[in-house]
Amino acid sequence: MSKKNKDTYTFEQVLSATDYGLIIDGETGALRGLFIPEGSEDDDVPETIVNVCRDYFGIDPNEKVIYH
């Protein structure tokens, strides 16, 4: 699939009010961040997202630690 002549959008433009998004480094494949919908900052991350983060990146986003 060609990337030429494709429109680009921000996370805010394409995600609905309850969507989460994984931010992955395009060169290394490392997890760079987790987009959390507004108003959900204090909620636990849904289990399906936790499973992906834990299984593929070794990180549990519900742990109360700061990753660098």
PDB file of N, CA and C in Angstrom:
ATOM      1  N   MET A   1       0.840  -1.168   0.000  1.00  0.00           N
ATOM      2  CA  MET A   1       0.000   0.000   0.000  1.00  0.00           C
ATOM      3  C   MET A   1       0.894   1.242   0.000  1.00  0.00           C
ATOM      4  N   SER A   2       0.641   2.147  -0.908  1.00  0.00           N
ATOM      5  CA  SER A   2       1.421   3.367  -1.017  1.00  0.00           C
ATOM      6  C   SER A   2       1.003   4.386   0.021  1.00  0.00           C
ATOM      7  N   LYS A   3       1.996   5.100   0.581  1.00  0.00           N
ATOM      8  CA  LYS A   3       1.709   6.150   1.556  1.00  0.00           C
ATOM      9  C   LYS A   3       1.567   7.504   0.872  1.00  0.00           C
ATOM     10  N   LYS A   4       1.836   7.565  -0.430  1.00  0.00           N
ATOM     11  CA  LYS A   4       1.727   8.820  -1.158  1.00  0.00           C
ATOM     12  C   LYS A   4       0.269   9.222  -1.316  1.00  0.00           C
ATOM     13  N   ASN A   5       0.050  10.524  -1.302  1.00  0.00           N
ATOM     14  CA  ASN A   5      -1.285  11.094  -1.497  1.00  0.00           C
ATOM     15  C   ASN A   5      -2.291  10.615  -0.462  1.00  0.00           C
ATOM     16  N   LYS A   6      -1.828  10.340   0.740  1.00  0.00           N
ATOM     17  CA  LYS A   6      -2.717   9.921   1.823  1.00  0.00           C
ATOM     18  C   LYS A   6      -2.910  11.089   2.778  1.00  0.00           C
ATOM     19  N   ASP A   7      -4.118  11.285   3.236  1.00  0.00           N
ATOM     20  CA  ASP A   7      -4.376  12.299   4.246  1.00  0.00           C
ATOM     21  C   ASP A   7      -3.850  11.800   5.582  1.00  0.00           C
ATOM     22  N   THR A   8      -3.406  12.708   6.427  1.00  0.00           N
ATOM     23  CA  THR A   8      -2.967  12.337   7.760  1.00  0.00           C
ATOM     24  C   THR A   8      -3.863  13.012   8.780  1.00  0.00           C
ATOM     25  N   TYR A   9      -4.009  12.372   9.922  1.00  0.00           N
ATOM     26  CA  TYR A   9      -4.891  12.854  10.970  1.00  0.00           C
ATOM     27  C   TYR A   9      -4.222  12.693  12.322  1.00  0.00           C
ATOM     28  N   THR A  10      -4.623  13.493  13.281  1.00  0.00           N
ATOM     29  CA  THR A  10      -4.132  13.347  14.642  1.00  0.00           C
ATOM     30  C   THR A  10      -4.962  12.288  15.363  1.00  0.00           C
ATOM     31  N   PHE A  11      -4.451  11.813  16.514  1.00  0.00           N
ATOM     32  CA  PHE A  11      -5.220  10.862  17.321  1.00  0.00           C
ATOM     33  C   PHE A  11      -6.588  11.445  17.655  1.00  0.00           C
ATOM     34  N   GLU A  12      -6.598  12.703  18.037  1.00  0.00           N
ATOM     35  CA  GLU A  12      -7.860  13.325  18.444  1.00  0.00           C
ATOM     36  C   GLU A  12      -8.893  13.323  17.319  1.00  0.00           C
ATOM     37  N   GLN A  13      -8.426  13.399  16.071  1.00  0.00           N
ATOM     38  CA  GLN A  13      -9.338  13.422  14.929  1.00  0.00           C
ATOM     39  C   GLN A  13      -9.936  12.058  14.604  1.00  0.00           C
ATOM     40  N   VAL A  14      -9.208  10.987  14.875  1.00  0.00           N
ATOM     41  CA  VAL A  14      -9.671   9.662  14.445  1.00  0.00           C
ATOM     42  C   VAL A  14     -10.215   8.784  15.560  1.00  0.00           C
ATOM     43  N   LEU A  15      -9.917   9.125  16.813  1.00  0.00           N
ATOM     44  CA  LEU A  15     -10.391   8.304  17.919  1.00  0.00           C
ATOM     45  C   LEU A  15     -11.680   8.882  18.494  1.00  0.00           C
ATOM     46  N   SER A  16     -12.550   7.995  18.912  1.00  0.00           N
ATOM     47  CA  SER A  16     -13.789   8.452  19.548  1.00  0.00           C
ATOM     48  C   SER A  16     -13.495   8.808  21.008  1.00  0.00           C
ATOM     49  N   ALA A  17     -14.475   9.279  21.704  1.00  0.00           N
ATOM     50  CA  ALA A  17     -14.308   9.768  23.073  1.00  0.00           C
ATOM     51  C   ALA A  17     -13.855   8.700  24.057  1.00  0.00           C
ATOM     52  N   THR A  18     -14.034   7.426  23.724  1.00  0.00           N
ATOM     53  CA  THR A  18     -13.661   6.354  24.656  1.00  0.00           C
ATOM     54  C   THR A  18     -12.500   5.499  24.151  1.00  0.00           C
ATOM     55  N   ASP A  19     -11.886   5.877  23.026  1.00  0.00           N
ATOM     56  CA  ASP A  19     -10.803   5.086  22.439  1.00  0.00           C
ATOM     57  C   ASP A  19      -9.468   5.345  23.117  1.00  0.00           C
ATOM     58  N   TYR A  20      -8.678   4.293  23.238  1.00  0.00           N
ATOM     59  CA  TYR A  20      -7.293   4.366  23.670  1.00  0.00           C
ATOM     60  C   TYR A  20      -6.425   4.178  22.433  1.00  0.00           C
ATOM     61  N   GLY A  21      -5.172   4.602  22.498  1.00  0.00           N
ATOM     62  CA  GLY A  21      -4.274   4.407  21.369  1.00  0.00           C
ATOM     63  C   GLY A  21      -2.863   4.115  21.825  1.00  0.00           C
ATOM     64  N   LEU A  22      -2.226   3.140  21.186  1.00  0.00           N
ATOM     65  CA  LEU A  22      -0.829   2.833  21.473  1.00  0.00           C
ATOM     66  C   LEU A  22       0.042   3.680  20.550  1.00  0.00           C
ATOM     67  N   ILE A  23       1.094   4.283  21.101  1.00  0.00           N
ATOM     68  CA  ILE A  23       2.036   5.064  20.324  1.00  0.00           C
ATOM     69  C   ILE A  23       3.317   4.238  20.253  1.00  0.00           C
ATOM     70  N   ILE A  24       3.636   3.788  19.035  1.00  0.00           N
ATOM     71  CA  ILE A  24       4.747   2.861  18.835  1.00  0.00           C
ATOM     72  C   ILE A  24       5.790   3.512  17.934  1.00  0.00           C
ATOM     73  N   ASP A  25       7.049   3.414  18.339  1.00  0.00           N
ATOM     74  CA  ASP A  25       8.153   3.972  17.565  1.00  0.00           C
ATOM     75  C   ASP A  25       8.233   3.259  16.222  1.00  0.00           C
ATOM     76  N   GLY A  26       8.194   4.016  15.146  1.00  0.00           N
ATOM     77  CA  GLY A  26       8.199   3.446  13.801  1.00  0.00           C
ATOM     78  C   GLY A  26       9.513   2.814  13.400  1.00  0.00           C
ATOM     79  N   GLU A  27      10.591   3.170  14.073  1.00  0.00           N
ATOM     80  CA  GLU A  27      11.892   2.597  13.738  1.00  0.00           C
ATOM     81  C   GLU A  27      12.224   1.375  14.575  1.00  0.00           C
ATOM     82  N   THR A  28      11.939   1.446  15.871  1.00  0.00           N
ATOM     83  CA  THR A  28      12.348   0.359  16.769  1.00  0.00           C
ATOM     84  C   THR A  28      11.220  -0.588  17.143  1.00  0.00           C
ATOM     85  N   GLY A  29       9.978  -0.142  16.977  1.00  0.00           N
ATOM     86  CA  GLY A  29       8.842  -0.962  17.394  1.00  0.00           C
ATOM     87  C   GLY A  29       8.570  -0.896  18.882  1.00  0.00           C
ATOM     88  N   ALA A  30       9.312  -0.038  19.590  1.00  0.00           N
ATOM     89  CA  ALA A  30       9.129   0.098  21.036  1.00  0.00           C
ATOM     90  C   ALA A  30       7.878   0.918  21.346  1.00  0.00           C
ATOM     91  N   LEU A  31       7.253   0.588  22.447  1.00  0.00           N
ATOM     92  CA  LEU A  31       6.100   1.354  22.908  1.00  0.00           C
ATOM     93  C   LEU A  31       6.598   2.692  23.428  1.00  0.00           C
ATOM     94  N   ARG A  32       6.062   3.788  22.880  1.00  0.00           N
ATOM     95  CA  ARG A  32       6.478   5.128  23.298  1.00  0.00           C
ATOM     96  C   ARG A  32       5.458   5.767  24.207  1.00  0.00           C
ATOM     97  N   GLY A  33       4.206   5.337  24.119  1.00  0.00           N
ATOM     98  CA  GLY A  33       3.199   5.945  24.973  1.00  0.00           C
ATOM     99  C   GLY A  33       1.844   5.316  24.781  1.00  0.00           C
ATOM    100  N   LEU A  34       0.926   5.747  25.614  1.00  0.00           N
ATOM    101  CA  LEU A  34      -0.450   5.267  25.568  1.00  0.00           C
ATOM    102  C   LEU A  34      -1.365   6.478  25.614  1.00  0.00           C
ATOM    103  N   PHE A  35      -2.146   6.673  24.558  1.00  0.00           N
ATOM    104  CA  PHE A  35      -3.125   7.747  24.524  1.00  0.00           C
ATOM    105  C   PHE A  35      -4.330   7.296  25.338  1.00  0.00           C
ATOM    106  N   ILE A  36      -4.681   8.088  26.340  1.00  0.00           N
ATOM    107  CA  ILE A  36      -5.814   7.778  27.211  1.00  0.00           C
ATOM    108  C   ILE A  36      -6.881   8.828  26.976  1.00  0.00           C
ATOM    109  N   PRO A  37      -8.122   8.414  26.756  1.00  0.00           N
ATOM    110  CA  PRO A  37      -9.165   9.397  26.456  1.00  0.00           C
ATOM    111  C   PRO A  37      -9.409  10.352  27.622  1.00  0.00           C
ATOM    112  N   GLU A  38      -9.751  11.570  27.258  1.00  0.00           N
ATOM    113  CA  GLU A  38     -10.041  12.597  28.254  1.00  0.00           C
ATOM    114  C   GLU A  38     -11.124  12.113  29.211  1.00  0.00           C
ATOM    115  N   GLY A  39     -10.874  12.309  30.496  1.00  0.00           N
ATOM    116  CA  GLY A  39     -11.820  11.882  31.515  1.00  0.00           C
ATOM    117  C   GLY A  39     -11.557  10.485  32.049  1.00  0.00           C
ATOM    118  N   SER A  40     -10.649   9.747  31.407  1.00  0.00           N
ATOM    119  CA  SER A  40     -10.340   8.377  31.835  1.00  0.00           C
ATOM    120  C   SER A  40      -8.970   8.269  32.492  1.00  0.00           C
ATOM    121  N   GLU A  41      -8.323   9.398  32.745  1.00  0.00           N
ATOM    122  CA  GLU A  41      -6.963   9.390  33.277  1.00  0.00           C
ATOM    123  C   GLU A  41      -6.842   8.651  34.604  1.00  0.00           C
ATOM    124  N   ASP A  42      -7.884   8.679  35.417  1.00  0.00           N
ATOM    125  CA  ASP A  42      -7.831   8.028  36.726  1.00  0.00           C
ATOM    126  C   ASP A  42      -8.434   6.621  36.726  1.00  0.00           C
ATOM    127  N   ASP A  43      -8.973   6.181  35.583  1.00  0.00           N
ATOM    128  CA  ASP A  43      -9.566   4.844  35.467  1.00  0.00           C
ATOM    129  C   ASP A  43      -8.478   3.825  35.139  1.00  0.00           C
ATOM    130  N   ASP A  44      -8.728   2.560  35.483  1.00  0.00           N
ATOM    131  CA  ASP A  44      -7.831   1.498  35.043  1.00  0.00           C
ATOM    132  C   ASP A  44      -7.920   1.368  33.532  1.00  0.00           C
ATOM    133  N   VAL A  45      -6.783   1.051  32.907  1.00  0.00           N
ATOM    134  CA  VAL A  45      -6.747   0.774  31.475  1.00  0.00           C
ATOM    135  C   VAL A  45      -7.476  -0.551  31.251  1.00  0.00           C
ATOM    136  N   PRO A  46      -8.326  -0.643  30.215  1.00  0.00           N
ATOM    137  CA  PRO A  46      -9.047  -1.895  29.961  1.00  0.00           C
ATOM    138  C   PRO A  46      -8.119  -3.102  29.828  1.00  0.00           C
ATOM    139  N   GLU A  47      -8.590  -4.236  30.294  1.00  0.00           N
ATOM    140  CA  GLU A  47      -7.783  -5.460  30.359  1.00  0.00           C
ATOM    141  C   GLU A  47      -7.218  -5.883  29.002  1.00  0.00           C
ATOM    142  N   THR A  48      -7.957  -5.705  27.924  1.00  0.00           N
ATOM    143  CA  THR A  48      -7.434  -6.104  26.609  1.00  0.00           C
ATOM    144  C   THR A  48      -6.199  -5.293  26.233  1.00  0.00           C
ATOM    145  N   ILE A  49      -6.191  -4.014  26.567  1.00  0.00           N
ATOM    146  CA  ILE A  49      -5.030  -3.166  26.290  1.00  0.00           C
ATOM    147  C   ILE A  49      -3.880  -3.542  27.220  1.00  0.00           C
ATOM    148  N   VAL A  50      -4.195  -3.828  28.478  1.00  0.00           N
ATOM    149  CA  VAL A  50      -3.173  -4.282  29.429  1.00  0.00           C
ATOM    150  C   VAL A  50      -2.509  -5.551  28.896  1.00  0.00           C
ATOM    151  N   ASN A  51      -3.297  -6.484  28.385  1.00  0.00           N
ATOM    152  CA  ASN A  51      -2.740  -7.736  27.858  1.00  0.00           C
ATOM    153  C   ASN A  51      -1.768  -7.476  26.715  1.00  0.00           C
ATOM    154  N   VAL A  52      -2.116  -6.601  25.789  1.00  0.00           N
ATOM    155  CA  VAL A  52      -1.232  -6.282  24.670  1.00  0.00           C
ATOM    156  C   VAL A  52       0.057  -5.648  25.192  1.00  0.00           C
ATOM    157  N   CYS A  53      -0.080  -4.673  26.074  1.00  0.00           N
ATOM    158  CA  CYS A  53       1.100  -3.987  26.629  1.00  0.00           C
ATOM    159  C   CYS A  53       2.004  -4.954  27.389  1.00  0.00           C
ATOM    160  N   ARG A  54       1.403  -5.835  28.172  1.00  0.00           N
ATOM    161  CA  ARG A  54       2.180  -6.787  28.968  1.00  0.00           C
ATOM    162  C   ARG A  54       2.831  -7.840  28.073  1.00  0.00           C
ATOM    163  N   ASP A  55       2.055  -8.411  27.143  1.00  0.00           N
ATOM    164  CA  ASP A  55       2.554  -9.503  26.308  1.00  0.00           C
ATOM    165  C   ASP A  55       3.612  -9.054  25.306  1.00  0.00           C
ATOM    166  N   TYR A  56       3.453  -7.881  24.727  1.00  0.00           N
ATOM    167  CA  TYR A  56       4.357  -7.438  23.664  1.00  0.00           C
ATOM    168  C   TYR A  56       5.438  -6.463  24.127  1.00  0.00           C
ATOM    169  N   PHE A  57       5.163  -5.709  25.196  1.00  0.00           N
ATOM    170  CA  PHE A  57       6.109  -4.678  25.608  1.00  0.00           C
ATOM    171  C   PHE A  57       6.612  -4.845  27.039  1.00  0.00           C
ATOM    172  N   GLY A  58       6.071  -5.833  27.776  1.00  0.00           N
ATOM    173  CA  GLY A  58       6.522  -6.089  29.137  1.00  0.00           C
ATOM    174  C   GLY A  58       6.133  -5.004  30.129  1.00  0.00           C
ATOM    175  N   ILE A  59       5.062  -4.275  29.828  1.00  0.00           N
ATOM    176  CA  ILE A  59       4.629  -3.159  30.679  1.00  0.00           C
ATOM    177  C   ILE A  59       3.161  -3.340  31.045  1.00  0.00           C
ATOM    178  N   ASP A  60       2.848  -3.121  32.315  1.00  0.00           N
ATOM    179  CA  ASP A  60       1.454  -3.116  32.758  1.00  0.00           C
ATOM    180  C   ASP A  60       1.057  -1.664  33.012  1.00  0.00           C
ATOM    181  N   PRO A  61       0.234  -1.085  32.127  1.00  0.00           N
ATOM    182  CA  PRO A  61      -0.113   0.330  32.268  1.00  0.00           C
ATOM    183  C   PRO A  61      -0.949   0.644  33.509  1.00  0.00           C
ATOM    184  N   ASN A  62      -1.445  -0.367  34.200  1.00  0.00           N
ATOM    185  CA  ASN A  62      -2.209  -0.116  35.428  1.00  0.00           C
ATOM    186  C   ASN A  62      -1.327  -0.100  36.675  1.00  0.00           C
ATOM    187  N   GLU A  63      -0.049  -0.479  36.540  1.00  0.00           N
ATOM    188  CA  GLU A  63       0.867  -0.389  37.678  1.00  0.00           C
ATOM    189  C   GLU A  63       1.107   1.084  37.982  1.00  0.00           C
ATOM    190  N   LYS A  64       1.268   1.393  39.222  1.00  0.00           N
ATOM    191  CA  LYS A  64       1.451   2.776  39.644  1.00  0.00           C
ATOM    192  C   LYS A  64       2.935   3.133  39.674  1.00  0.00           C
ATOM    193  N   VAL A  65       3.614   2.993  38.526  1.00  0.00           N
ATOM    194  CA  VAL A  65       5.013   3.369  38.376  1.00  0.00           C
ATOM    195  C   VAL A  65       5.155   4.249  37.144  1.00  0.00           C
ATOM    196  N   ILE A  66       6.273   4.951  37.055  1.00  0.00           N
ATOM    197  CA  ILE A  66       6.537   5.786  35.894  1.00  0.00           C
ATOM    198  C   ILE A  66       7.612   5.102  35.058  1.00  0.00           C
ATOM    199  N   TYR A  67       7.323   4.895  33.766  1.00  0.00           N
ATOM    200  CA  TYR A  67       8.282   4.302  32.837  1.00  0.00           C
ATOM    201  C   TYR A  67       8.968   5.409  32.071  1.00  0.00           C
ATOM    202  N   HIS A  68      10.264   5.234  31.824  1.00  0.00           N
ATOM    203  CA  HIS A  68      11.021   6.208  31.043  1.00  0.00           C
ATOM    204  C   HIS A  68      11.552   5.551  29.803  1.00  0.00           C
TER     205      HIS A  68
END
